[in-house]
């Protein structure tokens, strides 16, 4: 059985990962922030982020799903969907 999280919990964990592991300023991590333009992540960072989120959710994130993600809110929605696919 996989874990269940609210959108707020997913956002909080995502923010924590971005601040602690990617050293991104907490103030710029908002739902409509673009991962690549606003937060300056690159493709390797995106893969690293996906791996960290897999540990958080205990679910595999498909590369195709992650390619569609552009903003913080996209990540939250994708993780929420992934968790509900139980």
PDB file of N, CA and C in Angstrom:
ATOM      1  N   UNK A   1       0.855  -1.190   0.000  1.00  0.00           N
ATOM      2  CA  UNK A   1       0.000   0.000   0.000  1.00  0.00           C
ATOM      3  C   UNK A   1       0.894   1.244   0.000  1.00  0.00           C
ATOM      4  N   UNK A   2       0.644   2.138  -0.918  1.00  0.00           N
ATOM      5  CA  UNK A   2       1.479   3.331  -0.981  1.00  0.00           C
ATOM      6  C   UNK A   2       0.965   4.397  -0.020  1.00  0.00           C
ATOM      7  N   UNK A   3       1.849   5.334   0.265  1.00  0.00           N
ATOM      8  CA  UNK A   3       1.504   6.416   1.178  1.00  0.00           C
ATOM      9  C   UNK A   3       0.538   7.381   0.514  1.00  0.00           C
ATOM     10  N   UNK A   4      -0.265   8.038   1.328  1.00  0.00           N
ATOM     11  CA  UNK A   4      -1.185   9.061   0.832  1.00  0.00           C
ATOM     12  C   UNK A   4      -0.755  10.412   1.400  1.00  0.00           C
ATOM     13  N   UNK A   5      -0.724  11.411   0.526  1.00  0.00           N
ATOM     14  CA  UNK A   5      -0.325  12.749   0.942  1.00  0.00           C
ATOM     15  C   UNK A   5      -1.298  13.776   0.373  1.00  0.00           C
ATOM     16  N   UNK A   6      -1.456  14.877   1.092  1.00  0.00           N
ATOM     17  CA  UNK A   6      -2.261  15.976   0.570  1.00  0.00           C
ATOM     18  C   UNK A   6      -1.381  16.806  -0.365  1.00  0.00           C
ATOM     19  N   UNK A   7      -2.025  17.660  -1.151  1.00  0.00           N
ATOM     20  CA  UNK A   7      -1.271  18.572  -2.030  1.00  0.00           C
ATOM     21  C   UNK A   7      -0.303  19.422  -1.206  1.00  0.00           C
ATOM     22  N   UNK A   8      -0.752  19.860  -0.053  1.00  0.00           N
ATOM     23  CA  UNK A   8       0.076  20.704   0.806  1.00  0.00           C
ATOM     24  C   UNK A   8       1.312  19.946   1.296  1.00  0.00           C
ATOM     25  N   UNK A   9       1.132  18.668   1.644  1.00  0.00           N
ATOM     26  CA  UNK A   9       2.263  17.854   2.099  1.00  0.00           C
ATOM     27  C   UNK A   9       3.259  17.618   0.961  1.00  0.00           C
ATOM     28  N   UNK A  10       2.733  17.379  -0.231  1.00  0.00           N
ATOM     29  CA  UNK A  10       3.595  17.172  -1.401  1.00  0.00           C
ATOM     30  C   UNK A  10       4.382  18.451  -1.682  1.00  0.00           C
ATOM     31  N   UNK A  11       3.699  19.592  -1.669  1.00  0.00           N
ATOM     32  CA  UNK A  11       4.363  20.876  -1.909  1.00  0.00           C
ATOM     33  C   UNK A  11       5.442  21.119  -0.860  1.00  0.00           C
ATOM     34  N   UNK A  12       5.130  20.857   0.401  1.00  0.00           N
ATOM     35  CA  UNK A  12       6.085  21.077   1.491  1.00  0.00           C
ATOM     36  C   UNK A  12       7.321  20.194   1.314  1.00  0.00           C
ATOM     37  N   UNK A  13       7.126  18.943   0.941  1.00  0.00           N
ATOM     38  CA  UNK A  13       8.260  18.033   0.742  1.00  0.00           C
ATOM     39  C   UNK A  13       9.087  18.472  -0.464  1.00  0.00           C
ATOM     40  N   UNK A  14       8.412  18.854  -1.533  1.00  0.00           N
ATOM     41  CA  UNK A  14       9.107  19.324  -2.734  1.00  0.00           C
ATOM     42  C   UNK A  14       9.957  20.553  -2.400  1.00  0.00           C
ATOM     43  N   UNK A  15       9.365  21.466  -1.657  1.00  0.00           N
ATOM     44  CA  UNK A  15      10.071  22.687  -1.249  1.00  0.00           C
ATOM     45  C   UNK A  15      11.297  22.324  -0.403  1.00  0.00           C
ATOM     46  N   UNK A  16      11.108  21.401   0.528  1.00  0.00           N
ATOM     47  CA  UNK A  16      12.206  20.962   1.390  1.00  0.00           C
ATOM     48  C   UNK A  16      13.358  20.376   0.555  1.00  0.00           C
ATOM     49  N   UNK A  17      13.034  19.533  -0.417  1.00  0.00           N
ATOM     50  CA  UNK A  17      14.050  18.934  -1.288  1.00  0.00           C
ATOM     51  C   UNK A  17      14.787  20.018  -2.071  1.00  0.00           C
ATOM     52  N   UNK A  18      14.036  20.945  -2.640  1.00  0.00           N
ATOM     53  CA  UNK A  18      14.650  21.992  -3.455  1.00  0.00           C
ATOM     54  C   UNK A  18      15.558  22.902  -2.634  1.00  0.00           C
ATOM     55  N   UNK A  19      15.166  23.193  -1.412  1.00  0.00           N
ATOM     56  CA  UNK A  19      15.976  24.056  -0.544  1.00  0.00           C
ATOM     57  C   UNK A  19      17.221  23.310  -0.044  1.00  0.00           C
ATOM     58  N   UNK A  20      17.010  22.091   0.473  1.00  0.00           N
ATOM     59  CA  UNK A  20      18.117  21.363   1.096  1.00  0.00           C
ATOM     60  C   UNK A  20      19.085  20.758   0.080  1.00  0.00           C
ATOM     61  N   UNK A  21      18.566  20.166  -0.986  1.00  0.00           N
ATOM     62  CA  UNK A  21      19.427  19.432  -1.920  1.00  0.00           C
ATOM     63  C   UNK A  21      19.901  20.267  -3.109  1.00  0.00           C
ATOM     64  N   UNK A  22      19.101  21.254  -3.481  1.00  0.00           N
ATOM     65  CA  UNK A  22      19.461  22.057  -4.651  1.00  0.00           C
ATOM     66  C   UNK A  22      19.840  23.492  -4.292  1.00  0.00           C
ATOM     67  N   UNK A  23      19.763  23.812  -2.989  1.00  0.00           N
ATOM     68  CA  UNK A  23      20.135  25.126  -2.469  1.00  0.00           C
ATOM     69  C   UNK A  23      19.406  26.269  -3.163  1.00  0.00           C
ATOM     70  N   UNK A  24      18.105  26.057  -3.361  1.00  0.00           N
ATOM     71  CA  UNK A  24      17.267  27.077  -3.987  1.00  0.00           C
ATOM     72  C   UNK A  24      16.616  27.915  -2.885  1.00  0.00           C
ATOM     73  N   UNK A  25      16.569  29.205  -3.096  1.00  0.00           N
ATOM     74  CA  UNK A  25      15.964  30.125  -2.133  1.00  0.00           C
ATOM     75  C   UNK A  25      14.487  29.778  -1.951  1.00  0.00           C
ATOM     76  N   UNK A  26      14.114  29.535  -0.719  1.00  0.00           N
ATOM     77  CA  UNK A  26      12.740  29.136  -0.385  1.00  0.00           C
ATOM     78  C   UNK A  26      11.701  30.141  -0.894  1.00  0.00           C
ATOM     79  N   UNK A  27      12.054  31.412  -0.911  1.00  0.00           N
ATOM     80  CA  UNK A  27      11.105  32.466  -1.301  1.00  0.00           C
ATOM     81  C   UNK A  27      10.668  32.384  -2.762  1.00  0.00           C
ATOM     82  N   UNK A  28      11.495  31.778  -3.619  1.00  0.00           N
ATOM     83  CA  UNK A  28      11.115  31.715  -5.039  1.00  0.00           C
ATOM     84  C   UNK A  28      10.414  30.411  -5.404  1.00  0.00           C
ATOM     85  N   UNK A  29      10.268  29.523  -4.430  1.00  0.00           N
ATOM     86  CA  UNK A  29       9.583  28.251  -4.683  1.00  0.00           C
ATOM     87  C   UNK A  29       8.093  28.462  -4.446  1.00  0.00           C
ATOM     88  N   UNK A  30       7.419  28.823  -5.521  1.00  0.00           N
ATOM     89  CA  UNK A  30       5.978  29.070  -5.503  1.00  0.00           C
ATOM     90  C   UNK A  30       5.340  28.180  -6.558  1.00  0.00           C
ATOM     91  N   UNK A  31       4.027  27.922  -6.450  1.00  0.00           N
ATOM     92  CA  UNK A  31       3.390  26.983  -7.387  1.00  0.00           C
ATOM     93  C   UNK A  31       3.629  27.265  -8.874  1.00  0.00           C
ATOM     94  N   UNK A  32       3.674  28.524  -9.280  1.00  0.00           N
ATOM     95  CA  UNK A  32       3.834  28.793 -10.720  1.00  0.00           C
ATOM     96  C   UNK A  32       5.293  29.014 -11.140  1.00  0.00           C
ATOM     97  N   UNK A  33       6.233  28.741 -10.237  1.00  0.00           N
ATOM     98  CA  UNK A  33       7.653  28.874 -10.585  1.00  0.00           C
ATOM     99  C   UNK A  33       8.045  27.794 -11.592  1.00  0.00           C
ATOM    100  N   UNK A  34       8.708  28.216 -12.669  1.00  0.00           N
ATOM    101  CA  UNK A  34       9.191  27.280 -13.681  1.00  0.00           C
ATOM    102  C   UNK A  34      10.483  26.639 -13.171  1.00  0.00           C
ATOM    103  N   UNK A  35      10.530  25.311 -13.227  1.00  0.00           N
ATOM    104  CA  UNK A  35      11.682  24.587 -12.700  1.00  0.00           C
ATOM    105  C   UNK A  35      12.978  24.971 -13.400  1.00  0.00           C
ATOM    106  N   UNK A  36      12.901  25.199 -14.701  1.00  0.00           N
ATOM    107  CA  UNK A  36      14.106  25.407 -15.490  1.00  0.00           C
ATOM    108  C   UNK A  36      14.473  26.883 -15.640  1.00  0.00           C
ATOM    109  N   UNK A  37      13.475  27.737 -15.786  1.00  0.00           N
ATOM    110  CA  UNK A  37      13.748  29.163 -15.963  1.00  0.00           C
ATOM    111  C   UNK A  37      13.875  29.886 -14.622  1.00  0.00           C
ATOM    112  N   UNK A  38      12.893  29.697 -13.741  1.00  0.00           N
ATOM    113  CA  UNK A  38      12.902  30.429 -12.468  1.00  0.00           C
ATOM    114  C   UNK A  38      13.848  29.813 -11.436  1.00  0.00           C
ATOM    115  N   UNK A  39      13.857  28.486 -11.365  1.00  0.00           N
ATOM    116  CA  UNK A  39      14.670  27.809 -10.355  1.00  0.00           C
ATOM    117  C   UNK A  39      16.016  27.346 -10.899  1.00  0.00           C
ATOM    118  N   UNK A  40      16.208  27.508 -12.202  1.00  0.00           N
ATOM    119  CA  UNK A  40      17.471  27.216 -12.880  1.00  0.00           C
ATOM    120  C   UNK A  40      17.943  25.772 -12.709  1.00  0.00           C
ATOM    121  N   UNK A  41      17.001  24.826 -12.713  1.00  0.00           N
ATOM    122  CA  UNK A  41      17.375  23.419 -12.714  1.00  0.00           C
ATOM    123  C   UNK A  41      17.756  23.023 -14.138  1.00  0.00           C
ATOM    124  N   UNK A  42      18.630  22.045 -14.267  1.00  0.00           N
ATOM    125  CA  UNK A  42      18.941  21.517 -15.591  1.00  0.00           C
ATOM    126  C   UNK A  42      18.385  20.089 -15.675  1.00  0.00           C
ATOM    127  N   UNK A  43      18.620  19.415 -16.794  1.00  0.00           N
ATOM    128  CA  UNK A  43      18.025  18.096 -16.983  1.00  0.00           C
ATOM    129  C   UNK A  43      18.552  17.079 -15.967  1.00  0.00           C
ATOM    130  N   UNK A  44      19.803  17.206 -15.577  1.00  0.00           N
ATOM    131  CA  UNK A  44      20.360  16.292 -14.566  1.00  0.00           C
ATOM    132  C   UNK A  44      19.708  16.548 -13.210  1.00  0.00           C
ATOM    133  N   UNK A  45      19.488  17.827 -12.886  1.00  0.00           N
ATOM    134  CA  UNK A  45      18.779  18.165 -11.645  1.00  0.00           C
ATOM    135  C   UNK A  45      17.369  17.579 -11.658  1.00  0.00           C
ATOM    136  N   UNK A  46      16.713  17.648 -12.810  1.00  0.00           N
ATOM    137  CA  UNK A  46      15.347  17.134 -12.929  1.00  0.00           C
ATOM    138  C   UNK A  46      15.312  15.632 -12.655  1.00  0.00           C
ATOM    139  N   UNK A  47      16.289  14.910 -13.179  1.00  0.00           N
ATOM    140  CA  UNK A  47      16.363  13.466 -12.932  1.00  0.00           C
ATOM    141  C   UNK A  47      16.611  13.212 -11.445  1.00  0.00           C
ATOM    142  N   UNK A  48      17.519  13.969 -10.858  1.00  0.00           N
ATOM    143  CA  UNK A  48      17.820  13.834  -9.431  1.00  0.00           C
ATOM    144  C   UNK A  48      16.572  14.119  -8.595  1.00  0.00           C
ATOM    145  N   UNK A  49      15.832  15.145  -8.969  1.00  0.00           N
ATOM    146  CA  UNK A  49      14.590  15.486  -8.275  1.00  0.00           C
ATOM    147  C   UNK A  49      13.584  14.345  -8.387  1.00  0.00           C
ATOM    148  N   UNK A  50      13.454  13.769  -9.574  1.00  0.00           N
ATOM    149  CA  UNK A  50      12.520  12.653  -9.784  1.00  0.00           C
ATOM    150  C   UNK A  50      12.886  11.476  -8.877  1.00  0.00           C
ATOM    151  N   UNK A  51      14.185  11.191  -8.766  1.00  0.00           N
ATOM    152  CA  UNK A  51      14.633  10.087  -7.908  1.00  0.00           C
ATOM    153  C   UNK A  51      14.282  10.368  -6.444  1.00  0.00           C
ATOM    154  N   UNK A  52      14.517  11.591  -6.000  1.00  0.00           N
ATOM    155  CA  UNK A  52      14.208  11.954  -4.608  1.00  0.00           C
ATOM    156  C   UNK A  52      12.700  11.860  -4.344  1.00  0.00           C
ATOM    157  N   UNK A  53      11.897  12.236  -5.334  1.00  0.00           N
ATOM    158  CA  UNK A  53      10.445  12.145  -5.177  1.00  0.00           C
ATOM    159  C   UNK A  53       9.972  10.691  -5.187  1.00  0.00           C
ATOM    160  N   UNK A  54      10.691   9.836  -5.899  1.00  0.00           N
ATOM    161  CA  UNK A  54      10.355   8.408  -5.878  1.00  0.00           C
ATOM    162  C   UNK A  54      10.542   7.838  -4.476  1.00  0.00           C
ATOM    163  N   UNK A  55      11.616   8.230  -3.795  1.00  0.00           N
ATOM    164  CA  UNK A  55      11.824   7.782  -2.415  1.00  0.00           C
ATOM    165  C   UNK A  55      10.703   8.272  -1.511  1.00  0.00           C
ATOM    166  N   UNK A  56      10.272   9.490  -1.735  1.00  0.00           N
ATOM    167  CA  UNK A  56       9.200  10.098  -0.939  1.00  0.00           C
ATOM    168  C   UNK A  56       7.880   9.368  -1.138  1.00  0.00           C
ATOM    169  N   UNK A  57       7.558   9.008  -2.384  1.00  0.00           N
ATOM    170  CA  UNK A  57       6.260   8.418  -2.685  1.00  0.00           C
ATOM    171  C   UNK A  57       6.249   6.897  -2.719  1.00  0.00           C
ATOM    172  N   UNK A  58       7.427   6.291  -2.784  1.00  0.00           N
ATOM    173  CA  UNK A  58       7.538   4.836  -2.989  1.00  0.00           C
ATOM    174  C   UNK A  58       6.928   4.413  -4.315  1.00  0.00           C
ATOM    175  N   UNK A  59       6.906   5.310  -5.288  1.00  0.00           N
ATOM    176  CA  UNK A  59       6.348   5.020  -6.624  1.00  0.00           C
ATOM    177  C   UNK A  59       7.362   5.427  -7.682  1.00  0.00           C
ATOM    178  N   UNK A  60       7.384   4.686  -8.772  1.00  0.00           N
ATOM    179  CA  UNK A  60       8.279   5.015  -9.890  1.00  0.00           C
ATOM    180  C   UNK A  60       7.636   6.111 -10.735  1.00  0.00           C
ATOM    181  N   UNK A  61       8.404   7.138 -11.024  1.00  0.00           N
ATOM    182  CA  UNK A  61       7.930   8.233 -11.875  1.00  0.00           C
ATOM    183  C   UNK A  61       8.459   7.975 -13.276  1.00  0.00           C
ATOM    184  N   UNK A  62       7.558   7.844 -14.230  1.00  0.00           N
ATOM    185  CA  UNK A  62       8.010   7.548 -15.596  1.00  0.00           C
ATOM    186  C   UNK A  62       8.646   8.791 -16.215  1.00  0.00           C
ATOM    187  N   UNK A  63       9.708   8.578 -16.991  1.00  0.00           N
ATOM    188  CA  UNK A  63      10.357   9.720 -17.651  1.00  0.00           C
ATOM    189  C   UNK A  63       9.392  10.510 -18.534  1.00  0.00           C
ATOM    190  N   UNK A  64       8.433   9.823 -19.157  1.00  0.00           N
ATOM    191  CA  UNK A  64       7.454  10.522 -20.001  1.00  0.00           C
ATOM    192  C   UNK A  64       6.609  11.484 -19.184  1.00  0.00           C
ATOM    193  N   UNK A  65       6.202  11.069 -17.993  1.00  0.00           N
ATOM    194  CA  UNK A  65       5.438  11.960 -17.117  1.00  0.00           C
ATOM    195  C   UNK A  65       6.268  13.165 -16.725  1.00  0.00           C
ATOM    196  N   UNK A  66       7.547  12.929 -16.443  1.00  0.00           N
ATOM    197  CA  UNK A  66       8.378  14.024 -15.971  1.00  0.00           C
ATOM    198  C   UNK A  66       8.708  15.020 -17.075  1.00  0.00           C
ATOM    199  N   UNK A  67       8.700  14.565 -18.318  1.00  0.00           N
ATOM    200  CA  UNK A  67       8.971  15.469 -19.446  1.00  0.00           C
ATOM    201  C   UNK A  67       7.898  16.549 -19.578  1.00  0.00           C
ATOM    202  N   UNK A  68       6.693  16.250 -19.131  1.00  0.00           N
ATOM    203  CA  UNK A  68       5.576  17.190 -19.239  1.00  0.00           C
ATOM    204  C   UNK A  68       5.608  18.262 -18.153  1.00  0.00           C
ATOM    205  N   UNK A  69       6.418  18.050 -17.149  1.00  0.00           N
ATOM    206  CA  UNK A  69       6.438  18.931 -15.984  1.00  0.00           C
ATOM    207  C   UNK A  69       7.291  20.173 -16.239  1.00  0.00           C
ATOM    208  N   UNK A  70       6.697  21.318 -15.975  1.00  0.00           N
ATOM    209  CA  UNK A  70       7.408  22.595 -16.169  1.00  0.00           C
ATOM    210  C   UNK A  70       7.464  23.432 -14.890  1.00  0.00           C
ATOM    211  N   UNK A  71       6.407  23.366 -14.081  1.00  0.00           N
ATOM    212  CA  UNK A  71       6.320  24.223 -12.895  1.00  0.00           C
ATOM    213  C   UNK A  71       6.243  23.399 -11.611  1.00  0.00           C
ATOM    214  N   UNK A  72       6.389  24.077 -10.492  1.00  0.00           N
ATOM    215  CA  UNK A  72       6.244  23.436  -9.183  1.00  0.00           C
ATOM    216  C   UNK A  72       4.860  22.794  -9.080  1.00  0.00           C
ATOM    217  N   UNK A  73       3.834  23.507  -9.498  1.00  0.00           N
ATOM    218  CA  UNK A  73       2.471  22.981  -9.425  1.00  0.00           C
ATOM    219  C   UNK A  73       2.326  21.732 -10.295  1.00  0.00           C
ATOM    220  N   UNK A  74       2.983  21.692 -11.449  1.00  0.00           N
ATOM    221  CA  UNK A  74       2.962  20.493 -12.303  1.00  0.00           C
ATOM    222  C   UNK A  74       3.517  19.289 -11.547  1.00  0.00           C
ATOM    223  N   UNK A  75       4.595  19.516 -10.795  1.00  0.00           N
ATOM    224  CA  UNK A  75       5.204  18.430 -10.021  1.00  0.00           C
ATOM    225  C   UNK A  75       4.212  17.937  -8.975  1.00  0.00           C
ATOM    226  N   UNK A  76       3.607  18.857  -8.249  1.00  0.00           N
ATOM    227  CA  UNK A  76       2.654  18.499  -7.191  1.00  0.00           C
ATOM    228  C   UNK A  76       1.490  17.691  -7.783  1.00  0.00           C
ATOM    229  N   UNK A  77       0.945  18.154  -8.890  1.00  0.00           N
ATOM    230  CA  UNK A  77      -0.187  17.464  -9.531  1.00  0.00           C
ATOM    231  C   UNK A  77       0.231  16.078 -10.011  1.00  0.00           C
ATOM    232  N   UNK A  78       1.418  15.971 -10.613  1.00  0.00           N
ATOM    233  CA  UNK A  78       1.898  14.680 -11.112  1.00  0.00           C
ATOM    234  C   UNK A  78       2.092  13.684  -9.966  1.00  0.00           C
ATOM    235  N   UNK A  79       2.655  14.157  -8.859  1.00  0.00           N
ATOM    236  CA  UNK A  79       2.868  13.280  -7.698  1.00  0.00           C
ATOM    237  C   UNK A  79       1.528  12.868  -7.103  1.00  0.00           C
ATOM    238  N   UNK A  80       0.600  13.810  -7.025  1.00  0.00           N
ATOM    239  CA  UNK A  80      -0.728  13.515  -6.498  1.00  0.00           C
ATOM    240  C   UNK A  80      -1.410  12.438  -7.345  1.00  0.00           C
ATOM    241  N   UNK A  81      -1.328  12.561  -8.666  1.00  0.00           N
ATOM    242  CA  UNK A  81      -1.910  11.560  -9.578  1.00  0.00           C
ATOM    243  C   UNK A  81      -1.247  10.210  -9.409  1.00  0.00           C
ATOM    244  N   UNK A  82       0.070  10.230  -9.314  1.00  0.00           N
ATOM    245  CA  UNK A  82       0.848   8.997  -9.168  1.00  0.00           C
ATOM    246  C   UNK A  82       0.444   8.243  -7.907  1.00  0.00           C
ATOM    247  N   UNK A  83       0.277   8.981  -6.829  1.00  0.00           N
ATOM    248  CA  UNK A  83      -0.108   8.365  -5.552  1.00  0.00           C
ATOM    249  C   UNK A  83      -1.507   7.765  -5.636  1.00  0.00           C
ATOM    250  N   UNK A  84      -2.404   8.434  -6.349  1.00  0.00           N
ATOM    251  CA  UNK A  84      -3.786   7.963  -6.451  1.00  0.00           C
ATOM    252  C   UNK A  84      -3.947   6.768  -7.383  1.00  0.00           C
ATOM    253  N   UNK A  85      -2.929   6.502  -8.227  1.00  0.00           N
ATOM    254  CA  UNK A  85      -2.981   5.358  -9.141  1.00  0.00           C
ATOM    255  C   UNK A  85      -2.728   4.067  -8.382  1.00  0.00           C
ATOM    256  N   UNK A  86      -3.393   3.899  -7.313  1.00  0.00           N
ATOM    257  CA  UNK A  86      -3.145   2.776  -6.422  1.00  0.00           C
ATOM    258  C   UNK A  86      -4.105   1.651  -6.688  1.00  0.00           C
TER     259      UNK A  86
END
